[in-house]
N, C-alpha and C. Protein backbone atom coordinates (compact mmCIF):
# COMPACT_ATOMS: atom_id res chain seq x y z
N MET A 1 -48.23 -62.86 57.93
CA MET A 1 -48.48 -61.56 57.51
C MET A 1 -49.15 -61.58 56.18
N ASP A 2 -48.73 -61.12 55.16
CA ASP A 2 -49.52 -61.18 53.95
C ASP A 2 -49.07 -62.30 53.05
N GLY A 3 -48.32 -63.18 53.45
CA GLY A 3 -47.96 -64.35 52.69
C GLY A 3 -46.64 -64.23 51.99
N LYS A 4 -45.92 -63.21 52.23
CA LYS A 4 -44.62 -63.06 51.61
C LYS A 4 -43.57 -63.58 52.56
N PRO A 5 -42.58 -64.26 51.98
CA PRO A 5 -41.55 -64.75 52.90
C PRO A 5 -40.65 -63.59 53.35
N ALA A 6 -40.06 -63.71 54.46
CA ALA A 6 -39.19 -62.67 55.01
C ALA A 6 -37.90 -62.62 54.20
N PRO A 7 -37.38 -61.43 53.98
CA PRO A 7 -36.15 -61.33 53.20
C PRO A 7 -35.01 -61.97 53.94
N GLU A 8 -34.11 -62.51 53.16
CA GLU A 8 -32.96 -63.16 53.77
C GLU A 8 -31.97 -62.10 54.20
N PRO A 9 -31.27 -62.36 55.24
CA PRO A 9 -30.28 -61.37 55.67
C PRO A 9 -29.13 -61.32 54.66
N VAL A 10 -28.50 -60.14 54.59
CA VAL A 10 -27.40 -59.93 53.66
C VAL A 10 -26.19 -60.68 54.19
N THR A 11 -25.57 -61.37 53.26
CA THR A 11 -24.41 -62.15 53.66
C THR A 11 -23.15 -61.38 53.32
N GLU A 12 -22.04 -61.87 53.80
CA GLU A 12 -20.74 -61.25 53.54
C GLU A 12 -20.42 -61.32 52.05
N ALA A 13 -20.78 -62.35 51.36
CA ALA A 13 -20.55 -62.50 49.93
C ALA A 13 -21.33 -61.46 49.15
N ASP A 14 -22.56 -61.21 49.62
CA ASP A 14 -23.36 -60.19 48.96
C ASP A 14 -22.70 -58.80 49.09
N LEU A 15 -22.17 -58.51 50.26
CA LEU A 15 -21.51 -57.23 50.48
C LEU A 15 -20.26 -57.09 49.61
N ARG A 16 -19.52 -58.20 49.48
CA ARG A 16 -18.33 -58.18 48.63
C ARG A 16 -18.73 -57.92 47.17
N ALA A 17 -19.77 -58.52 46.70
CA ALA A 17 -20.24 -58.35 45.33
C ALA A 17 -20.65 -56.89 45.10
N VAL A 18 -21.38 -56.35 46.07
CA VAL A 18 -21.81 -54.96 45.94
C VAL A 18 -20.58 -54.05 45.95
N ARG A 19 -19.63 -54.33 46.86
CA ARG A 19 -18.41 -53.53 46.93
C ARG A 19 -17.66 -53.63 45.60
N ARG A 20 -17.57 -54.81 45.01
CA ARG A 20 -16.90 -54.99 43.73
C ARG A 20 -17.57 -54.14 42.65
N TRP A 21 -18.90 -54.15 42.60
CA TRP A 21 -19.62 -53.38 41.61
C TRP A 21 -19.46 -51.86 41.85
N VAL A 22 -19.38 -51.47 43.09
CA VAL A 22 -19.15 -50.05 43.38
C VAL A 22 -17.75 -49.65 42.91
N VAL A 23 -16.76 -50.51 43.14
CA VAL A 23 -15.40 -50.24 42.68
C VAL A 23 -15.37 -50.18 41.15
N VAL A 24 -16.05 -51.10 40.50
CA VAL A 24 -16.11 -51.10 39.03
C VAL A 24 -16.76 -49.81 38.54
N ALA A 25 -17.86 -49.41 39.20
CA ALA A 25 -18.55 -48.18 38.80
C ALA A 25 -17.64 -46.97 39.01
N CYS A 26 -16.87 -46.94 40.09
CA CYS A 26 -15.94 -45.84 40.35
C CYS A 26 -14.84 -45.81 39.30
N VAL A 27 -14.33 -46.99 38.94
CA VAL A 27 -13.29 -47.04 37.91
C VAL A 27 -13.85 -46.50 36.60
N TRP A 28 -15.08 -46.93 36.26
CA TRP A 28 -15.70 -46.42 35.05
C TRP A 28 -15.92 -44.90 35.13
N ALA A 29 -16.29 -44.40 36.28
CA ALA A 29 -16.51 -42.96 36.44
C ALA A 29 -15.20 -42.20 36.28
N VAL A 30 -14.11 -42.72 36.88
CA VAL A 30 -12.81 -42.08 36.74
C VAL A 30 -12.36 -42.12 35.28
N ALA A 31 -12.55 -43.25 34.61
CA ALA A 31 -12.16 -43.39 33.21
C ALA A 31 -12.97 -42.42 32.34
N ALA A 32 -14.26 -42.31 32.59
CA ALA A 32 -15.10 -41.40 31.80
C ALA A 32 -14.67 -39.95 32.04
N THR A 33 -14.34 -39.65 33.29
CA THR A 33 -13.87 -38.29 33.59
C THR A 33 -12.56 -38.00 32.87
N ALA A 34 -11.66 -38.98 32.88
CA ALA A 34 -10.38 -38.80 32.19
C ALA A 34 -10.59 -38.60 30.70
N VAL A 35 -11.46 -39.41 30.09
CA VAL A 35 -11.75 -39.27 28.67
C VAL A 35 -12.35 -37.89 28.38
N GLY A 36 -13.25 -37.45 29.24
CA GLY A 36 -13.87 -36.12 29.07
C GLY A 36 -12.83 -35.01 29.17
N LEU A 37 -11.93 -35.11 30.15
CA LEU A 37 -10.88 -34.09 30.29
C LEU A 37 -9.93 -34.10 29.10
N ILE A 38 -9.58 -35.28 28.65
CA ILE A 38 -8.69 -35.37 27.48
C ILE A 38 -9.36 -34.73 26.27
N ALA A 39 -10.65 -35.03 26.08
CA ALA A 39 -11.37 -34.45 24.95
C ALA A 39 -11.46 -32.93 25.09
N LEU A 40 -11.71 -32.45 26.31
CA LEU A 40 -11.78 -31.01 26.53
C LEU A 40 -10.45 -30.34 26.27
N LEU A 41 -9.39 -30.92 26.80
CA LEU A 41 -8.06 -30.35 26.59
C LEU A 41 -7.66 -30.41 25.12
N ASP A 42 -7.99 -31.51 24.48
CA ASP A 42 -7.68 -31.65 23.06
C ASP A 42 -8.44 -30.60 22.25
N ARG A 43 -9.69 -30.37 22.63
CA ARG A 43 -10.49 -29.37 21.93
C ARG A 43 -9.93 -27.98 22.20
N SER A 44 -9.53 -27.71 23.41
CA SER A 44 -8.93 -26.41 23.73
C SER A 44 -7.65 -26.24 22.93
N GLY A 45 -6.90 -27.32 22.81
CA GLY A 45 -5.68 -27.28 22.00
C GLY A 45 -6.01 -26.99 20.55
N ASP A 46 -7.11 -27.57 20.05
CA ASP A 46 -7.54 -27.30 18.68
C ASP A 46 -7.92 -25.84 18.51
N ASP A 47 -8.64 -25.30 19.49
CA ASP A 47 -9.01 -23.89 19.43
C ASP A 47 -7.77 -23.02 19.44
N ALA A 48 -6.82 -23.36 20.32
CA ALA A 48 -5.59 -22.58 20.38
C ALA A 48 -4.82 -22.70 19.08
N SER A 49 -4.77 -23.92 18.54
CA SER A 49 -4.04 -24.09 17.28
C SER A 49 -4.79 -23.40 16.14
N LYS A 50 -6.13 -23.41 16.20
CA LYS A 50 -6.90 -22.69 15.18
C LYS A 50 -6.64 -21.20 15.28
N ARG A 51 -6.62 -20.69 16.52
CA ARG A 51 -6.34 -19.26 16.70
C ARG A 51 -4.93 -18.94 16.25
N ALA A 52 -3.99 -19.81 16.59
CA ALA A 52 -2.61 -19.58 16.16
C ALA A 52 -2.52 -19.65 14.63
N GLY A 53 -3.22 -20.61 14.04
CA GLY A 53 -3.24 -20.71 12.58
C GLY A 53 -3.87 -19.48 11.95
N SER A 54 -4.93 -18.97 12.57
CA SER A 54 -5.59 -17.78 12.06
C SER A 54 -4.67 -16.57 12.14
N VAL A 55 -3.95 -16.45 13.25
CA VAL A 55 -3.00 -15.34 13.41
C VAL A 55 -1.89 -15.48 12.38
N GLU A 56 -1.37 -16.69 12.21
CA GLU A 56 -0.31 -16.91 11.22
C GLU A 56 -0.82 -16.59 9.81
N GLU A 57 -2.07 -16.94 9.55
CA GLU A 57 -2.65 -16.66 8.24
C GLU A 57 -2.75 -15.15 8.01
N ARG A 58 -3.18 -14.43 9.03
CA ARG A 58 -3.27 -12.96 8.92
C ARG A 58 -1.89 -12.36 8.72
N ILE A 59 -0.92 -12.85 9.47
CA ILE A 59 0.45 -12.34 9.33
C ILE A 59 0.95 -12.61 7.91
N GLY A 60 0.65 -13.80 7.39
CA GLY A 60 1.05 -14.13 6.02
C GLY A 60 0.42 -13.19 5.01
N LYS A 61 -0.88 -12.87 5.20
CA LYS A 61 -1.55 -11.94 4.29
C LYS A 61 -0.91 -10.56 4.34
N VAL A 62 -0.62 -10.11 5.56
CA VAL A 62 0.01 -8.80 5.71
C VAL A 62 1.39 -8.79 5.06
N GLU A 63 2.15 -9.87 5.26
CA GLU A 63 3.48 -9.95 4.64
C GLU A 63 3.38 -9.91 3.13
N ARG A 64 2.44 -10.67 2.57
CA ARG A 64 2.27 -10.68 1.11
C ARG A 64 1.85 -9.30 0.60
N SER A 65 0.97 -8.65 1.34
CA SER A 65 0.53 -7.30 0.96
C SER A 65 1.70 -6.33 1.00
N LEU A 66 2.50 -6.40 2.05
CA LEU A 66 3.65 -5.51 2.15
C LEU A 66 4.67 -5.79 1.06
N GLU A 67 4.90 -7.06 0.77
CA GLU A 67 5.84 -7.41 -0.30
C GLU A 67 5.36 -6.86 -1.64
N ALA A 68 4.06 -6.96 -1.89
CA ALA A 68 3.51 -6.44 -3.15
C ALA A 68 3.67 -4.92 -3.21
N ARG A 69 3.42 -4.24 -2.10
CA ARG A 69 3.57 -2.79 -2.08
C ARG A 69 5.03 -2.39 -2.25
N ILE A 70 5.94 -3.13 -1.63
CA ILE A 70 7.37 -2.83 -1.77
C ILE A 70 7.80 -3.04 -3.22
N ASP A 71 7.34 -4.15 -3.83
CA ASP A 71 7.68 -4.39 -5.24
C ASP A 71 7.14 -3.27 -6.12
N ASP A 72 5.93 -2.81 -5.84
CA ASP A 72 5.34 -1.71 -6.62
C ASP A 72 6.17 -0.44 -6.46
N LEU A 73 6.58 -0.13 -5.24
CA LEU A 73 7.40 1.06 -5.01
C LEU A 73 8.76 0.94 -5.71
N GLU A 74 9.36 -0.25 -5.66
CA GLU A 74 10.64 -0.44 -6.34
C GLU A 74 10.49 -0.23 -7.84
N ALA A 75 9.40 -0.74 -8.40
CA ALA A 75 9.16 -0.57 -9.84
C ALA A 75 8.98 0.92 -10.17
N ARG A 76 8.26 1.62 -9.31
CA ARG A 76 8.05 3.05 -9.55
C ARG A 76 9.37 3.81 -9.42
N LEU A 77 10.20 3.42 -8.47
CA LEU A 77 11.50 4.09 -8.29
C LEU A 77 12.41 3.84 -9.48
N GLU A 78 12.35 2.63 -10.03
CA GLU A 78 13.18 2.33 -11.20
C GLU A 78 12.77 3.17 -12.40
N GLY A 79 11.48 3.53 -12.46
CA GLY A 79 10.98 4.33 -13.57
C GLY A 79 11.31 5.81 -13.44
N LEU A 80 11.71 6.24 -12.25
CA LEU A 80 12.04 7.66 -12.07
C LEU A 80 13.39 7.98 -12.68
N PRO A 81 13.56 9.22 -13.15
CA PRO A 81 14.85 9.59 -13.73
C PRO A 81 15.94 9.61 -12.66
N GLN A 82 17.13 9.27 -13.11
CA GLN A 82 18.29 9.27 -12.21
C GLN A 82 18.80 10.69 -12.06
N ALA A 83 19.65 10.91 -11.07
CA ALA A 83 20.19 12.24 -10.80
C ALA A 83 20.97 12.76 -12.01
N VAL A 84 21.67 11.87 -12.71
CA VAL A 84 22.44 12.27 -13.89
C VAL A 84 21.49 12.78 -14.97
N ASP A 85 20.38 12.08 -15.16
CA ASP A 85 19.41 12.50 -16.16
C ASP A 85 18.82 13.86 -15.81
N VAL A 86 18.51 14.06 -14.53
CA VAL A 86 17.96 15.33 -14.11
C VAL A 86 18.98 16.45 -14.31
N SER A 87 20.24 16.17 -14.03
CA SER A 87 21.30 17.16 -14.22
C SER A 87 21.43 17.53 -15.70
N LYS A 88 21.39 16.53 -16.58
CA LYS A 88 21.46 16.80 -18.02
C LYS A 88 20.28 17.65 -18.46
N LEU A 89 19.11 17.32 -17.94
CA LEU A 89 17.91 18.06 -18.30
C LEU A 89 18.01 19.51 -17.82
N GLN A 90 18.55 19.71 -16.64
CA GLN A 90 18.73 21.08 -16.14
C GLN A 90 19.71 21.85 -17.02
N ASP A 91 20.79 21.19 -17.45
CA ASP A 91 21.75 21.85 -18.35
C ASP A 91 21.09 22.26 -19.66
N ARG A 92 20.30 21.34 -20.24
CA ARG A 92 19.61 21.64 -21.49
C ARG A 92 18.62 22.78 -21.31
N LEU A 93 17.93 22.79 -20.18
CA LEU A 93 16.97 23.85 -19.90
C LEU A 93 17.69 25.20 -19.75
N ALA A 94 18.84 25.21 -19.08
CA ALA A 94 19.62 26.46 -18.94
C ALA A 94 20.07 26.97 -20.30
N LYS A 95 20.53 26.06 -21.18
CA LYS A 95 20.94 26.47 -22.53
C LYS A 95 19.76 27.03 -23.31
N ALA A 96 18.60 26.39 -23.17
CA ALA A 96 17.40 26.87 -23.88
C ALA A 96 17.00 28.24 -23.36
N GLU A 97 17.10 28.45 -22.05
CA GLU A 97 16.77 29.76 -21.49
C GLU A 97 17.75 30.82 -22.01
N ASP A 98 19.04 30.48 -22.07
CA ASP A 98 20.04 31.42 -22.61
C ASP A 98 19.74 31.74 -24.07
N SER A 99 19.40 30.73 -24.84
CA SER A 99 19.08 30.95 -26.26
C SER A 99 17.84 31.83 -26.40
N ALA A 100 16.84 31.58 -25.57
CA ALA A 100 15.62 32.38 -25.62
C ALA A 100 15.93 33.83 -25.24
N SER A 101 16.76 34.02 -24.25
CA SER A 101 17.14 35.38 -23.83
C SER A 101 17.91 36.09 -24.95
N SER A 102 18.82 35.34 -25.57
CA SER A 102 19.59 35.91 -26.68
C SER A 102 18.67 36.25 -27.84
N ALA A 103 17.71 35.39 -28.13
CA ALA A 103 16.77 35.66 -29.22
C ALA A 103 15.92 36.88 -28.89
N ALA A 104 15.54 37.05 -27.63
CA ALA A 104 14.76 38.23 -27.24
C ALA A 104 15.59 39.49 -27.41
N ASP A 105 16.87 39.42 -27.03
CA ASP A 105 17.76 40.58 -27.22
C ASP A 105 17.91 40.92 -28.70
N ASP A 106 18.10 39.87 -29.53
CA ASP A 106 18.24 40.09 -30.97
C ASP A 106 16.96 40.69 -31.56
N ALA A 107 15.82 40.21 -31.08
CA ALA A 107 14.54 40.74 -31.58
C ALA A 107 14.39 42.20 -31.19
N LYS A 108 14.80 42.58 -29.98
CA LYS A 108 14.72 43.97 -29.54
C LYS A 108 15.65 44.84 -30.38
N SER A 109 16.85 44.33 -30.62
CA SER A 109 17.81 45.06 -31.44
C SER A 109 17.26 45.25 -32.86
N ALA A 110 16.68 44.20 -33.42
CA ALA A 110 16.11 44.29 -34.76
C ALA A 110 14.96 45.28 -34.77
N ASP A 111 14.14 45.27 -33.71
CA ASP A 111 13.01 46.20 -33.62
C ASP A 111 13.52 47.64 -33.56
N ASP A 112 14.61 47.87 -32.80
CA ASP A 112 15.20 49.20 -32.71
C ASP A 112 15.71 49.64 -34.09
N LYS A 113 16.38 48.71 -34.79
CA LYS A 113 16.93 49.04 -36.13
C LYS A 113 15.81 49.33 -37.11
N VAL A 114 14.72 48.56 -37.03
CA VAL A 114 13.57 48.81 -37.91
C VAL A 114 12.98 50.17 -37.60
N GLY A 115 12.91 50.49 -36.31
CA GLY A 115 12.41 51.82 -35.92
C GLY A 115 13.28 52.93 -36.48
N ASP A 116 14.62 52.75 -36.41
CA ASP A 116 15.55 53.74 -36.97
C ASP A 116 15.36 53.86 -38.48
N LEU A 117 15.22 52.70 -39.16
CA LEU A 117 15.02 52.73 -40.61
C LEU A 117 13.72 53.43 -40.96
N GLU A 118 12.67 53.17 -40.21
CA GLU A 118 11.39 53.84 -40.47
C GLU A 118 11.54 55.35 -40.31
N ASP A 119 12.27 55.75 -39.27
CA ASP A 119 12.49 57.20 -39.07
C ASP A 119 13.26 57.79 -40.25
N ARG A 120 14.27 57.09 -40.70
CA ARG A 120 15.09 57.59 -41.83
C ARG A 120 14.26 57.65 -43.11
N VAL A 121 13.45 56.60 -43.32
CA VAL A 121 12.60 56.60 -44.51
C VAL A 121 11.62 57.77 -44.43
N GLN A 122 11.05 57.98 -43.27
CA GLN A 122 10.11 59.09 -43.10
C GLN A 122 10.79 60.43 -43.37
N THR A 123 12.02 60.53 -42.86
CA THR A 123 12.79 61.75 -43.10
C THR A 123 13.02 61.95 -44.60
N LEU A 124 13.40 60.88 -45.28
CA LEU A 124 13.63 60.96 -46.72
C LEU A 124 12.34 61.30 -47.46
N GLU A 125 11.23 60.70 -47.06
CA GLU A 125 9.95 60.99 -47.70
C GLU A 125 9.56 62.45 -47.48
N ASP A 126 9.79 62.91 -46.24
CA ASP A 126 9.48 64.32 -45.96
C ASP A 126 10.36 65.25 -46.81
N ALA A 127 11.62 64.86 -46.92
CA ALA A 127 12.55 65.68 -47.72
C ALA A 127 12.12 65.66 -49.18
N ALA A 128 11.70 64.49 -49.68
CA ALA A 128 11.26 64.39 -51.07
C ALA A 128 9.99 65.20 -51.28
N ASP A 129 9.09 65.15 -50.32
CA ASP A 129 7.85 65.92 -50.44
C ASP A 129 8.13 67.41 -50.42
N SER A 130 9.00 67.85 -49.58
CA SER A 130 9.32 69.28 -49.51
C SER A 130 10.08 69.72 -50.76
N ALA A 131 10.89 68.83 -51.33
CA ALA A 131 11.59 69.17 -52.56
C ALA A 131 10.61 69.31 -53.70
N GLN A 132 9.59 68.50 -53.72
CA GLN A 132 8.58 68.59 -54.78
C GLN A 132 7.75 69.86 -54.58
N ASP A 133 7.54 70.24 -53.36
CA ASP A 133 6.75 71.44 -53.11
C ASP A 133 7.55 72.68 -53.47
N ASP A 134 8.87 72.64 -53.38
CA ASP A 134 9.73 73.77 -53.70
C ASP A 134 9.91 73.93 -55.20
N GLU A 135 9.71 72.96 -55.99
CA GLU A 135 9.88 73.07 -57.44
C GLU A 135 8.73 73.91 -58.00
N PRO A 136 9.09 74.78 -59.00
CA PRO A 136 8.05 75.58 -59.60
C PRO A 136 7.11 74.70 -60.43
N LYS A 137 5.90 75.10 -60.48
CA LYS A 137 4.91 74.35 -61.20
C LYS A 137 4.76 74.93 -62.60
N PRO A 138 4.71 74.24 -63.63
CA PRO A 138 4.65 74.79 -64.98
C PRO A 138 3.36 75.35 -65.36
């Protein structure tokens, strides 16, 4: 034919060698698949742990914010007057109102007395004027 020798028939040893290499290739394929799955699962676990860490971080921020707000409210409450202080202040205010009312009454009474005195003085002045008018003129 064209000068090439005819291929030799495949022997049983050749088939065993090919079968061995196919088994080796399958083992490598299974191992690579296992490594890929482990890496994928590990990465998914990392994502889940990252998400869990992120949620925990947010919860921590919210807790710190709430604690700060509670501390601020407690400080503001401590600064507010106590019920006893408010009661004392109300008593003082009632006394001041009573004193102011009494002072207003006294002022009205004094105004009435001044009005009476003015009337009496006017009466006396009128009487003095009429007495001067009744005296003969020289």
